[in-house]
């Protein structure tokens, strides 16, 4: 009975998705902004201050899309979503794009009727413990109570890891990230598990961050990136090429500070194509010829976004595998030509 109910619900959501995903660009232009689904507050990725201003690398993807369409990186409205409700919000048309530390998996990319538009952060799941627990690696967590979010790949990864290593554990799961943090901080579990980036981000919310450490073990692959609905290739193209613009701009040394002079110089054909002085790449996307120039001017390149949101205190997250491919990392964007 549960299987039948799940199948019916999925079919219903996919039908809604098919109806709402056509001509997303027209809908966005009509209302004058991009409706972007983000986390409920994850420092460095999508977080808001006491004035309601959003920031983070996931937020910057949303702003890049808005800059490409409107030449206005502020033409975005944000919908904070829990892990459990994020996909339903996208499938139903409540949001235009989901940019919320979401892992690209086969099931999500197929059965849920979604398209992942690239990877803006390569991550992996880890564990955080109290220093006084006396644990130095994940293999010492036999019998642990583990706090995490429900409705994520995190629970499945924990199950796989503990089962593969013949260890016992108990899951203590909550829908909202702040509930998980509060439960761990109150001692309701021994371990907090999520993507390693999330552990560093959430640790700063604890009463005494210095009393906790992130273990070195990485137990999964978590490629995180923006997501759109199946059925609207133009919108899919705009979202993925907005991200690729930022990555290509960093590779070419184009920044928010020099983008105007680079566009005016006219020397490098690859730069000319990226910034819209050659070719019809904006026209092919259905946006302005200067769409990428507008993104870099309004948001910055990928490296600028990373540095502004993740490389500073109190997170101090190293680029690592998120360096450009030219510097030994995994960030690589297709060429604009």
C-alpha atoms as a PDB file:
ATOM      1  CA  UNK A   1       0.000   0.000   0.000  1.00  0.00           C
ATOM      2  CA  UNK A   2       2.820   2.376   0.818  1.00  0.00           C
ATOM      3  CA  UNK A   3       4.442   1.652  -2.531  1.00  0.00           C
ATOM      4  CA  UNK A   4       1.227   2.390  -4.408  1.00  0.00           C
ATOM      5  CA  UNK A   5       0.711   5.619  -2.488  1.00  0.00           C
ATOM      6  CA  UNK A   6       4.300   6.708  -3.151  1.00  0.00           C
ATOM      7  CA  UNK A   7       3.939   5.946  -6.857  1.00  0.00           C
ATOM      8  CA  UNK A   8       0.720   7.914  -7.122  1.00  0.00           C
ATOM      9  CA  UNK A   9       2.205  10.863  -5.261  1.00  0.00           C
ATOM     10  CA  UNK A  10       5.314  10.850  -7.455  1.00  0.00           C
ATOM     11  CA  UNK A  11       3.235  10.661 -10.645  1.00  0.00           C
ATOM     12  CA  UNK A  12       1.155  13.577  -9.421  1.00  0.00           C
ATOM     13  CA  UNK A  13       4.207  15.681  -8.628  1.00  0.00           C
ATOM     14  CA  UNK A  14       5.790  14.894 -11.983  1.00  0.00           C
ATOM     15  CA  UNK A  15       2.570  15.914 -13.760  1.00  0.00           C
ATOM     16  CA  UNK A  16       2.599  19.218 -11.879  1.00  0.00           C
ATOM     17  CA  UNK A  17       6.284  19.624 -12.722  1.00  0.00           C
ATOM     18  CA  UNK A  18       5.665  19.103 -16.448  1.00  0.00           C
ATOM     19  CA  UNK A  19       2.978  21.799 -16.438  1.00  0.00           C
ATOM     20  CA  UNK A  20       4.964  24.324 -14.409  1.00  0.00           C
ATOM     21  CA  UNK A  21       8.369  23.914 -16.020  1.00  0.00           C
ATOM     22  CA  UNK A  22       7.550  25.015 -19.566  1.00  0.00           C
ATOM     23  CA  UNK A  23       8.701  28.549 -20.390  1.00  0.00           C
ATOM     24  CA  UNK A  24      10.141  29.211 -16.931  1.00  0.00           C
ATOM     25  CA  UNK A  25      12.084  32.167 -18.326  1.00  0.00           C
ATOM     26  CA  UNK A  26       8.828  33.819 -19.446  1.00  0.00           C
ATOM     27  CA  UNK A  27       7.379  33.351 -15.955  1.00  0.00           C
ATOM     28  CA  UNK A  28      10.498  34.755 -14.313  1.00  0.00           C
ATOM     29  CA  UNK A  29      10.611  37.782 -16.605  1.00  0.00           C
ATOM     30  CA  UNK A  30       6.897  38.342 -16.063  1.00  0.00           C
ATOM     31  CA  UNK A  31       7.201  38.549 -12.296  1.00  0.00           C
ATOM     32  CA  UNK A  32      10.542  40.395 -12.410  1.00  0.00           C
ATOM     33  CA  UNK A  33      12.646  38.134 -10.203  1.00  0.00           C
ATOM     34  CA  UNK A  34      14.005  34.620  -9.725  1.00  0.00           C
ATOM     35  CA  UNK A  35      12.398  32.611  -6.922  1.00  0.00           C
ATOM     36  CA  UNK A  36      15.269  30.625  -5.452  1.00  0.00           C
ATOM     37  CA  UNK A  37      15.054  27.826  -2.899  1.00  0.00           C
ATOM     38  CA  UNK A  38      17.864  27.893  -0.341  1.00  0.00           C
ATOM     39  CA  UNK A  39      18.704  26.363   3.030  1.00  0.00           C
ATOM     40  CA  UNK A  40      17.196  27.575   6.276  1.00  0.00           C
ATOM     41  CA  UNK A  41      20.536  29.042   7.286  1.00  0.00           C
ATOM     42  CA  UNK A  42      23.928  27.498   6.515  1.00  0.00           C
ATOM     43  CA  UNK A  43      26.825  29.967   6.907  1.00  0.00           C
ATOM     44  CA  UNK A  44      28.934  30.296   3.800  1.00  0.00           C
ATOM     45  CA  UNK A  45      26.342  28.639   1.556  1.00  0.00           C
ATOM     46  CA  UNK A  46      22.959  30.276   2.106  1.00  0.00           C
ATOM     47  CA  UNK A  47      22.522  32.307   5.267  1.00  0.00           C
ATOM     48  CA  UNK A  48      20.739  35.501   6.263  1.00  0.00           C
ATOM     49  CA  UNK A  49      21.705  38.266   8.662  1.00  0.00           C
ATOM     50  CA  UNK A  50      19.549  40.142  11.163  1.00  0.00           C
ATOM     51  CA  UNK A  51      18.397  42.463   8.372  1.00  0.00           C
ATOM     52  CA  UNK A  52      17.260  39.575   6.178  1.00  0.00           C
ATOM     53  CA  UNK A  53      20.121  39.904   3.692  1.00  0.00           C
ATOM     54  CA  UNK A  54      21.123  36.569   2.161  1.00  0.00           C
ATOM     55  CA  UNK A  55      24.703  35.550   1.366  1.00  0.00           C
ATOM     56  CA  UNK A  56      26.705  32.431   0.483  1.00  0.00           C
ATOM     57  CA  UNK A  57      27.986  30.510  -2.533  1.00  0.00           C
ATOM     58  CA  UNK A  58      24.539  28.991  -3.163  1.00  0.00           C
ATOM     59  CA  UNK A  59      22.975  32.442  -2.930  1.00  0.00           C
ATOM     60  CA  UNK A  60      25.539  33.732  -5.436  1.00  0.00           C
ATOM     61  CA  UNK A  61      24.370  31.142  -7.974  1.00  0.00           C
ATOM     62  CA  UNK A  62      20.858  32.549  -7.648  1.00  0.00           C
ATOM     63  CA  UNK A  63      22.162  36.084  -8.033  1.00  0.00           C
ATOM     64  CA  UNK A  64      24.171  35.053 -11.091  1.00  0.00           C
ATOM     65  CA  UNK A  65      21.002  33.764 -12.768  1.00  0.00           C
ATOM     66  CA  UNK A  66      19.242  37.035 -11.980  1.00  0.00           C
ATOM     67  CA  UNK A  67      22.173  39.038 -13.356  1.00  0.00           C
ATOM     68  CA  UNK A  68      22.124  37.010 -16.577  1.00  0.00           C
ATOM     69  CA  UNK A  69      18.415  37.690 -17.093  1.00  0.00           C
ATOM     70  CA  UNK A  70      17.855  41.157 -15.637  1.00  0.00           C
ATOM     71  CA  UNK A  71      21.373  42.645 -15.329  1.00  0.00           C
ATOM     72  CA  UNK A  72      20.404  42.915 -11.663  1.00  0.00           C
ATOM     73  CA  UNK A  73      21.919  40.477  -9.187  1.00  0.00           C
ATOM     74  CA  UNK A  74      19.399  41.601  -6.569  1.00  0.00           C
ATOM     75  CA  UNK A  75      16.361  40.489  -8.607  1.00  0.00           C
ATOM     76  CA  UNK A  76      15.956  37.369  -6.467  1.00  0.00           C
ATOM     77  CA  UNK A  77      13.522  36.278  -3.781  1.00  0.00           C
ATOM     78  CA  UNK A  78      14.622  33.497  -1.454  1.00  0.00           C
ATOM     79  CA  UNK A  79      12.553  30.642  -0.068  1.00  0.00           C
ATOM     80  CA  UNK A  80      14.240  28.867   2.874  1.00  0.00           C
ATOM     81  CA  UNK A  81      13.519  25.138   2.697  1.00  0.00           C
ATOM     82  CA  UNK A  82      14.227  22.096   4.836  1.00  0.00           C
ATOM     83  CA  UNK A  83      15.832  19.043   3.241  1.00  0.00           C
ATOM     84  CA  UNK A  84      12.489  17.261   3.405  1.00  0.00           C
ATOM     85  CA  UNK A  85      10.485  19.914   1.566  1.00  0.00           C
ATOM     86  CA  UNK A  86      13.033  21.177  -0.988  1.00  0.00           C
ATOM     87  CA  UNK A  87      12.195  18.825  -3.878  1.00  0.00           C
ATOM     88  CA  UNK A  88       8.439  19.197  -3.526  1.00  0.00           C
ATOM     89  CA  UNK A  89       8.847  22.983  -3.660  1.00  0.00           C
ATOM     90  CA  UNK A  90      10.759  22.693  -6.927  1.00  0.00           C
ATOM     91  CA  UNK A  91       8.509  20.063  -8.514  1.00  0.00           C
ATOM     92  CA  UNK A  92       5.364  22.019  -7.683  1.00  0.00           C
ATOM     93  CA  UNK A  93       6.654  25.284  -9.152  1.00  0.00           C
ATOM     94  CA  UNK A  94       6.864  27.112  -5.832  1.00  0.00           C
ATOM     95  CA  UNK A  95      10.469  27.960  -6.722  1.00  0.00           C
ATOM     96  CA  UNK A  96      12.237  28.398 -10.080  1.00  0.00           C
ATOM     97  CA  UNK A  97      15.560  26.894  -9.041  1.00  0.00           C
ATOM     98  CA  UNK A  98      16.878  25.056  -5.991  1.00  0.00           C
ATOM     99  CA  UNK A  99      20.334  26.202  -4.870  1.00  0.00           C
ATOM    100  CA  UNK A 100      20.628  24.565  -1.487  1.00  0.00           C
ATOM    101  CA  UNK A 101      23.654  22.299  -0.752  1.00  0.00           C
ATOM    102  CA  UNK A 102      21.906  19.443  -2.564  1.00  0.00           C
ATOM    103  CA  UNK A 103      23.759  16.296  -3.647  1.00  0.00           C
ATOM    104  CA  UNK A 104      23.569  15.162  -7.265  1.00  0.00           C
ATOM    105  CA  UNK A 105      22.471  11.511  -7.283  1.00  0.00           C
ATOM    106  CA  UNK A 106      21.067   9.136  -9.911  1.00  0.00           C
ATOM    107  CA  UNK A 107      17.631   8.900  -8.276  1.00  0.00           C
ATOM    108  CA  UNK A 108      17.207  12.635  -7.955  1.00  0.00           C
ATOM    109  CA  UNK A 109      18.413  13.209 -11.505  1.00  0.00           C
ATOM    110  CA  UNK A 110      15.956  10.685 -12.956  1.00  0.00           C
ATOM    111  CA  UNK A 111      13.048   9.427 -10.843  1.00  0.00           C
ATOM    112  CA  UNK A 112      12.358  12.796  -9.196  1.00  0.00           C
ATOM    113  CA  UNK A 113      12.098  14.589 -12.532  1.00  0.00           C
ATOM    114  CA  UNK A 114      14.975  16.984 -11.840  1.00  0.00           C
ATOM    115  CA  UNK A 115      18.078  18.207 -13.651  1.00  0.00           C
ATOM    116  CA  UNK A 116      21.293  19.130 -11.855  1.00  0.00           C
ATOM    117  CA  UNK A 117      22.879  22.118 -13.575  1.00  0.00           C
ATOM    118  CA  UNK A 118      26.497  21.529 -12.537  1.00  0.00           C
ATOM    119  CA  UNK A 119      28.503  21.392  -9.317  1.00  0.00           C
ATOM    120  CA  UNK A 120      29.305  24.552  -7.378  1.00  0.00           C
ATOM    121  CA  UNK A 121      30.871  22.682  -4.440  1.00  0.00           C
ATOM    122  CA  UNK A 122      32.468  19.232  -4.288  1.00  0.00           C
ATOM    123  CA  UNK A 123      31.946  17.837  -0.812  1.00  0.00           C
ATOM    124  CA  UNK A 124      31.910  14.628   1.201  1.00  0.00           C
ATOM    125  CA  UNK A 125      30.126  13.474   4.337  1.00  0.00           C
ATOM    126  CA  UNK A 126      31.968  13.563   7.635  1.00  0.00           C
ATOM    127  CA  UNK A 127      31.518  13.463  11.397  1.00  0.00           C
ATOM    128  CA  UNK A 128      31.854  15.979  14.221  1.00  0.00           C
ATOM    129  CA  UNK A 129      32.379  14.978  17.852  1.00  0.00           C
ATOM    130  CA  UNK A 130      33.174  16.585  21.176  1.00  0.00           C
ATOM    131  CA  UNK A 131      36.860  16.671  21.978  1.00  0.00           C
ATOM    132  CA  UNK A 132      36.240  14.987  25.330  1.00  0.00           C
ATOM    133  CA  UNK A 133      34.699  11.957  23.627  1.00  0.00           C
ATOM    134  CA  UNK A 134      38.266  10.822  22.967  1.00  0.00           C
ATOM    135  CA  UNK A 135      37.560   9.790  19.366  1.00  0.00           C
ATOM    136  CA  UNK A 136      40.059  10.535  16.590  1.00  0.00           C
ATOM    137  CA  UNK A 137      38.534   8.749  13.603  1.00  0.00           C
ATOM    138  CA  UNK A 138      35.211   7.332  12.458  1.00  0.00           C
ATOM    139  CA  UNK A 139      36.222   3.716  13.025  1.00  0.00           C
ATOM    140  CA  UNK A 140      35.947   4.409  16.774  1.00  0.00           C
ATOM    141  CA  UNK A 141      32.232   5.317  16.624  1.00  0.00           C
ATOM    142  CA  UNK A 142      30.808   1.856  17.325  1.00  0.00           C
ATOM    143  CA  UNK A 143      27.576   2.204  19.331  1.00  0.00           C
ATOM    144  CA  UNK A 144      27.320   5.960  18.815  1.00  0.00           C
ATOM    145  CA  UNK A 145      24.107   7.972  18.705  1.00  0.00           C
ATOM    146  CA  UNK A 146      24.270  10.003  15.494  1.00  0.00           C
ATOM    147  CA  UNK A 147      22.387  13.270  14.901  1.00  0.00           C
ATOM    148  CA  UNK A 148      21.452  14.209  11.332  1.00  0.00           C
ATOM    149  CA  UNK A 149      18.754  15.619   9.038  1.00  0.00           C
ATOM    150  CA  UNK A 150      15.895  13.475   7.834  1.00  0.00           C
ATOM    151  CA  UNK A 151      15.107  13.275   4.127  1.00  0.00           C
ATOM    152  CA  UNK A 152      18.742  13.378   2.959  1.00  0.00           C
ATOM    153  CA  UNK A 153      21.372  11.053   1.543  1.00  0.00           C
ATOM    154  CA  UNK A 154      23.159  11.447   4.880  1.00  0.00           C
ATOM    155  CA  UNK A 155      21.098   8.759   6.598  1.00  0.00           C
ATOM    156  CA  UNK A 156      21.800   6.279   3.794  1.00  0.00           C
ATOM    157  CA  UNK A 157      25.524   7.016   3.870  1.00  0.00           C
ATOM    158  CA  UNK A 158      25.646   6.476   7.631  1.00  0.00           C
ATOM    159  CA  UNK A 159      23.844   3.160   7.243  1.00  0.00           C
ATOM    160  CA  UNK A 160      26.258   2.046   4.530  1.00  0.00           C
ATOM    161  CA  UNK A 161      29.335   3.074   6.516  1.00  0.00           C
ATOM    162  CA  UNK A 162      28.366   1.482   9.813  1.00  0.00           C
ATOM    163  CA  UNK A 163      27.097  -1.697   8.153  1.00  0.00           C
ATOM    164  CA  UNK A 164      30.254  -2.060   6.034  1.00  0.00           C
ATOM    165  CA  UNK A 165      32.378  -1.700   9.174  1.00  0.00           C
ATOM    166  CA  UNK A 166      30.203  -3.995  11.357  1.00  0.00           C
ATOM    167  CA  UNK A 167      29.425  -1.234  13.840  1.00  0.00           C
ATOM    168  CA  UNK A 168      26.236  -0.444  15.728  1.00  0.00           C
ATOM    169  CA  UNK A 169      24.677   3.015  15.782  1.00  0.00           C
ATOM    170  CA  UNK A 170      21.466   4.882  16.540  1.00  0.00           C
ATOM    171  CA  UNK A 171      20.083   7.630  14.301  1.00  0.00           C
ATOM    172  CA  UNK A 172      18.597  10.726  15.951  1.00  0.00           C
ATOM    173  CA  UNK A 173      17.022  12.608  13.024  1.00  0.00           C
ATOM    174  CA  UNK A 174      15.305  15.983  12.725  1.00  0.00           C
ATOM    175  CA  UNK A 175      13.748  17.832   9.793  1.00  0.00           C
ATOM    176  CA  UNK A 176      15.389  21.227  10.348  1.00  0.00           C
ATOM    177  CA  UNK A 177      19.146  21.785  10.437  1.00  0.00           C
ATOM    178  CA  UNK A 178      18.937  24.049  13.497  1.00  0.00           C
ATOM    179  CA  UNK A 179      17.101  21.278  15.348  1.00  0.00           C
ATOM    180  CA  UNK A 180      19.977  18.906  14.612  1.00  0.00           C
ATOM    181  CA  UNK A 181      22.541  21.438  15.832  1.00  0.00           C
ATOM    182  CA  UNK A 182      20.557  22.105  19.012  1.00  0.00           C
ATOM    183  CA  UNK A 183      20.169  18.387  19.756  1.00  0.00           C
ATOM    184  CA  UNK A 184      23.872  17.725  19.277  1.00  0.00           C
ATOM    185  CA  UNK A 185      24.838  20.765  21.354  1.00  0.00           C
ATOM    186  CA  UNK A 186      22.512  19.582  24.139  1.00  0.00           C
ATOM    187  CA  UNK A 187      24.196  16.184  24.234  1.00  0.00           C
ATOM    188  CA  UNK A 188      21.304  14.171  22.823  1.00  0.00           C
ATOM    189  CA  UNK A 189      23.758  12.371  20.535  1.00  0.00           C
ATOM    190  CA  UNK A 190      27.464  11.622  20.401  1.00  0.00           C
ATOM    191  CA  UNK A 191      28.074  12.565  16.794  1.00  0.00           C
ATOM    192  CA  UNK A 192      26.804  15.078  14.259  1.00  0.00           C
ATOM    193  CA  UNK A 193      27.062  13.991  10.634  1.00  0.00           C
ATOM    194  CA  UNK A 194      26.480  15.895   7.416  1.00  0.00           C
ATOM    195  CA  UNK A 195      28.636  17.165   4.558  1.00  0.00           C
ATOM    196  CA  UNK A 196      32.005  18.320   5.887  1.00  0.00           C
ATOM    197  CA  UNK A 197      31.361  21.866   4.692  1.00  0.00           C
ATOM    198  CA  UNK A 198      28.141  21.845   6.706  1.00  0.00           C
ATOM    199  CA  UNK A 199      29.950  20.620   9.802  1.00  0.00           C
ATOM    200  CA  UNK A 200      32.379  23.546   9.673  1.00  0.00           C
ATOM    201  CA  UNK A 201      29.489  25.938   9.049  1.00  0.00           C
ATOM    202  CA  UNK A 202      27.290  24.568  11.830  1.00  0.00           C
ATOM    203  CA  UNK A 203      30.120  24.310  14.349  1.00  0.00           C
ATOM    204  CA  UNK A 204      30.237  28.095  14.664  1.00  0.00           C
ATOM    205  CA  UNK A 205      26.633  27.987  15.974  1.00  0.00           C
ATOM    206  CA  UNK A 206      27.577  25.788  18.958  1.00  0.00           C
ATOM    207  CA  UNK A 207      27.920  27.222  22.465  1.00  0.00           C
ATOM    208  CA  UNK A 208      31.649  26.438  22.479  1.00  0.00           C
ATOM    209  CA  UNK A 209      32.887  25.694  18.951  1.00  0.00           C
ATOM    210  CA  UNK A 210      36.424  25.020  20.197  1.00  0.00           C
ATOM    211  CA  UNK A 211      35.142  22.032  22.208  1.00  0.00           C
ATOM    212  CA  UNK A 212      34.289  20.141  19.017  1.00  0.00           C
ATOM    213  CA  UNK A 213      36.300  18.759  16.121  1.00  0.00           C
ATOM    214  CA  UNK A 214      35.563  17.480  12.640  1.00  0.00           C
ATOM    215  CA  UNK A 215      37.044  14.019  12.133  1.00  0.00           C
ATOM    216  CA  UNK A 216      39.295  13.536   9.082  1.00  0.00           C
ATOM    217  CA  UNK A 217      37.210  10.713   7.593  1.00  0.00           C
ATOM    218  CA  UNK A 218      35.184  11.383   4.413  1.00  0.00           C
ATOM    219  CA  UNK A 219      32.696   8.574   3.755  1.00  0.00           C
ATOM    220  CA  UNK A 220      30.923   9.673   0.575  1.00  0.00           C
ATOM    221  CA  UNK A 221      30.950  11.753  -2.588  1.00  0.00           C
ATOM    222  CA  UNK A 222      28.666  14.784  -2.323  1.00  0.00           C
ATOM    223  CA  UNK A 223      28.688  16.897  -5.505  1.00  0.00           C
ATOM    224  CA  UNK A 224      26.476  19.860  -4.624  1.00  0.00           C
ATOM    225  CA  UNK A 225      24.824  22.097  -7.174  1.00  0.00           C
ATOM    226  CA  UNK A 226      21.768  23.975  -8.433  1.00  0.00           C
ATOM    227  CA  UNK A 227      18.693  22.009  -9.536  1.00  0.00           C
ATOM    228  CA  UNK A 228      15.826  22.684 -11.962  1.00  0.00           C
ATOM    229  CA  UNK A 229      12.801  20.718 -13.153  1.00  0.00           C
ATOM    230  CA  UNK A 230      12.781  18.413 -16.148  1.00  0.00           C
ATOM    231  CA  UNK A 231      10.989  19.739 -19.195  1.00  0.00           C
ATOM    232  CA  UNK A 232      12.442  23.200 -19.826  1.00  0.00           C
ATOM    233  CA  UNK A 233      15.790  23.002 -21.600  1.00  0.00           C
ATOM    234  CA  UNK A 234      16.127  26.744 -22.025  1.00  0.00           C
ATOM    235  CA  UNK A 235      15.868  27.348 -18.285  1.00  0.00           C
ATOM    236  CA  UNK A 236      18.237  24.440 -17.631  1.00  0.00           C
ATOM    237  CA  UNK A 237      20.735  26.038 -20.034  1.00  0.00           C
ATOM    238  CA  UNK A 238      20.487  29.476 -18.392  1.00  0.00           C
ATOM    239  CA  UNK A 239      21.085  28.077 -14.902  1.00  0.00           C
ATOM    240  CA  UNK A 240      24.047  25.850 -15.824  1.00  0.00           C
ATOM    241  CA  UNK A 241      25.742  28.443 -18.028  1.00  0.00           C
ATOM    242  CA  UNK A 242      25.375  31.077 -15.313  1.00  0.00           C
ATOM    243  CA  UNK A 243      27.490  28.817 -13.103  1.00  0.00           C
ATOM    244  CA  UNK A 244      29.882  27.993 -15.961  1.00  0.00           C
ATOM    245  CA  UNK A 245      30.317  31.703 -16.645  1.00  0.00           C
ATOM    246  CA  UNK A 246      31.635  32.219 -13.113  1.00  0.00           C
ATOM    247  CA  UNK A 247      34.062  29.296 -13.381  1.00  0.00           C
ATOM    248  CA  UNK A 248      35.324  30.284 -16.840  1.00  0.00           C
ATOM    249  CA  UNK A 249      35.752  33.887 -15.715  1.00  0.00           C
ATOM    250  CA  UNK A 250      38.026  32.835 -12.865  1.00  0.00           C
ATOM    251  CA  UNK A 251      40.072  30.661 -15.208  1.00  0.00           C
ATOM    252  CA  UNK A 252      40.535  33.624 -17.574  1.00  0.00           C
ATOM    253  CA  UNK A 253      41.428  36.027 -14.768  1.00  0.00           C
ATOM    254  CA  UNK A 254      38.268  38.109 -15.218  1.00  0.00           C
ATOM    255  CA  UNK A 255      37.020  39.642 -11.979  1.00  0.00           C
ATOM    256  CA  UNK A 256      34.351  42.069 -10.863  1.00  0.00           C
ATOM    257  CA  UNK A 257      37.082  44.727 -10.692  1.00  0.00           C
ATOM    258  CA  UNK A 258      38.487  44.294 -14.214  1.00  0.00           C
ATOM    259  CA  UNK A 259      35.526  42.970 -16.225  1.00  0.00           C
ATOM    260  CA  UNK A 260      34.784  46.359 -17.817  1.00  0.00           C
ATOM    261  CA  UNK A 261      38.354  46.850 -19.008  1.00  0.00           C
ATOM    262  CA  UNK A 262      38.567  43.227 -20.217  1.00  0.00           C
ATOM    263  CA  UNK A 263      35.401  43.725 -22.273  1.00  0.00           C
ATOM    264  CA  UNK A 264      36.777  46.918 -23.783  1.00  0.00           C
ATOM    265  CA  UNK A 265      40.216  45.520 -24.604  1.00  0.00           C
ATOM    266  CA  UNK A 266      39.022  43.227 -27.403  1.00  0.00           C
ATOM    267  CA  UNK A 267      42.261  41.269 -27.579  1.00  0.00           C
ATOM    268  CA  UNK A 268      41.493  37.689 -26.575  1.00  0.00           C
ATOM    269  CA  UNK A 269      38.789  35.913 -28.645  1.00  0.00           C
ATOM    270  CA  UNK A 270      37.875  33.593 -25.717  1.00  0.00           C
ATOM    271  CA  UNK A 271      37.376  36.612 -23.453  1.00  0.00           C
ATOM    272  CA  UNK A 272      35.356  38.352 -26.162  1.00  0.00           C
ATOM    273  CA  UNK A 273      33.018  35.372 -26.432  1.00  0.00           C
ATOM    274  CA  UNK A 274      32.637  35.125 -22.662  1.00  0.00           C
ATOM    275  CA  UNK A 275      31.858  38.821 -22.275  1.00  0.00           C
ATOM    276  CA  UNK A 276      29.559  39.125 -25.279  1.00  0.00           C
ATOM    277  CA  UNK A 277      31.555  41.213 -27.719  1.00  0.00           C
ATOM    278  CA  UNK A 278      31.756  38.277 -30.158  1.00  0.00           C
ATOM    279  CA  UNK A 279      29.211  35.628 -31.100  1.00  0.00           C
ATOM    280  CA  UNK A 280      25.537  35.130 -30.320  1.00  0.00           C
ATOM    281  CA  UNK A 281      25.786  33.131 -27.109  1.00  0.00           C
ATOM    282  CA  UNK A 282      23.393  35.343 -25.180  1.00  0.00           C
ATOM    283  CA  UNK A 283      20.914  35.161 -28.020  1.00  0.00           C
ATOM    284  CA  UNK A 284      21.162  31.381 -27.993  1.00  0.00           C
ATOM    285  CA  UNK A 285      20.269  31.394 -24.298  1.00  0.00           C
ATOM    286  CA  UNK A 286      17.471  33.929 -24.718  1.00  0.00           C
ATOM    287  CA  UNK A 287      19.207  36.632 -22.671  1.00  0.00           C
ATOM    288  CA  UNK A 288      21.344  39.727 -23.280  1.00  0.00           C
ATOM    289  CA  UNK A 289      24.626  39.437 -25.232  1.00  0.00           C
ATOM    290  CA  UNK A 290      26.369  40.735 -22.088  1.00  0.00           C
ATOM    291  CA  UNK A 291      24.800  38.120 -19.787  1.00  0.00           C
ATOM    292  CA  UNK A 292      28.129  36.770 -18.535  1.00  0.00           C
ATOM    293  CA  UNK A 293      29.656  40.231 -18.210  1.00  0.00           C
ATOM    294  CA  UNK A 294      26.653  41.170 -16.077  1.00  0.00           C
ATOM    295  CA  UNK A 295      27.189  38.119 -13.855  1.00  0.00           C
ATOM    296  CA  UNK A 296      30.851  38.896 -13.224  1.00  0.00           C
ATOM    297  CA  UNK A 297      30.154  42.586 -12.640  1.00  0.00           C
ATOM    298  CA  UNK A 298      27.263  41.891 -10.267  1.00  0.00           C
ATOM    299  CA  UNK A 299      28.405  38.757  -8.454  1.00  0.00           C
ATOM    300  CA  UNK A 300      32.045  38.073  -9.290  1.00  0.00           C
ATOM    301  CA  UNK A 301      33.762  34.989 -10.618  1.00  0.00           C
ATOM    302  CA  UNK A 302      33.702  31.602  -8.861  1.00  0.00           C
ATOM    303  CA  UNK A 303      36.903  32.285  -6.943  1.00  0.00           C
ATOM    304  CA  UNK A 304      35.636  35.642  -5.707  1.00  0.00           C
ATOM    305  CA  UNK A 305      32.430  34.012  -4.471  1.00  0.00           C
ATOM    306  CA  UNK A 306      34.358  31.231  -2.723  1.00  0.00           C
ATOM    307  CA  UNK A 307      36.764  33.655  -1.065  1.00  0.00           C
ATOM    308  CA  UNK A 308      34.027  36.035   0.047  1.00  0.00           C
ATOM    309  CA  UNK A 309      31.861  33.343   1.599  1.00  0.00           C
ATOM    310  CA  UNK A 310      34.021  30.378   2.593  1.00  0.00           C
ATOM    311  CA  UNK A 311      37.685  31.367   2.880  1.00  0.00           C
ATOM    312  CA  UNK A 312      37.188  33.996   5.588  1.00  0.00           C
ATOM    313  CA  UNK A 313      36.699  33.764   9.365  1.00  0.00           C
ATOM    314  CA  UNK A 314      35.154  31.914  11.015  1.00  0.00           C
ATOM    315  CA  UNK A 315      34.868  29.171   8.363  1.00  0.00           C
ATOM    316  CA  UNK A 316      38.302  29.331   6.713  1.00  0.00           C
ATOM    317  CA  UNK A 317      37.483  26.485   4.315  1.00  0.00           C
ATOM    318  CA  UNK A 318      40.336  25.704   1.917  1.00  0.00           C
ATOM    319  CA  UNK A 319      39.627  25.456  -1.811  1.00  0.00           C
ATOM    320  CA  UNK A 320      40.934  21.866  -1.935  1.00  0.00           C
ATOM    321  CA  UNK A 321      39.168  19.901  -4.673  1.00  0.00           C
ATOM    322  CA  UNK A 322      37.141  23.030  -5.455  1.00  0.00           C
ATOM    323  CA  UNK A 323      40.186  24.664  -6.999  1.00  0.00           C
ATOM    324  CA  UNK A 324      40.184  25.152 -10.752  1.00  0.00           C
ATOM    325  CA  UNK A 325      41.337  22.188 -12.821  1.00  0.00           C
ATOM    326  CA  UNK A 326      44.344  24.252 -13.869  1.00  0.00           C
ATOM    327  CA  UNK A 327      45.417  24.295 -10.207  1.00  0.00           C
ATOM    328  CA  UNK A 328      44.831  20.621  -9.436  1.00  0.00           C
ATOM    329  CA  UNK A 329      41.148  20.863  -8.487  1.00  0.00           C
ATOM    330  CA  UNK A 330      37.901  19.596 -10.026  1.00  0.00           C
ATOM    331  CA  UNK A 331      36.258  22.863 -11.075  1.00  0.00           C
ATOM    332  CA  UNK A 332      36.094  22.760 -14.851  1.00  0.00           C
ATOM    333  CA  UNK A 333      33.592  24.485 -17.113  1.00  0.00           C
ATOM    334  CA  UNK A 334      32.853  23.790 -20.794  1.00  0.00           C
ATOM    335  CA  UNK A 335      34.081  26.522 -23.148  1.00  0.00           C
ATOM    336  CA  UNK A 336      31.910  29.276 -24.523  1.00  0.00           C
ATOM    337  CA  UNK A 337      32.378  29.156 -28.264  1.00  0.00           C
END
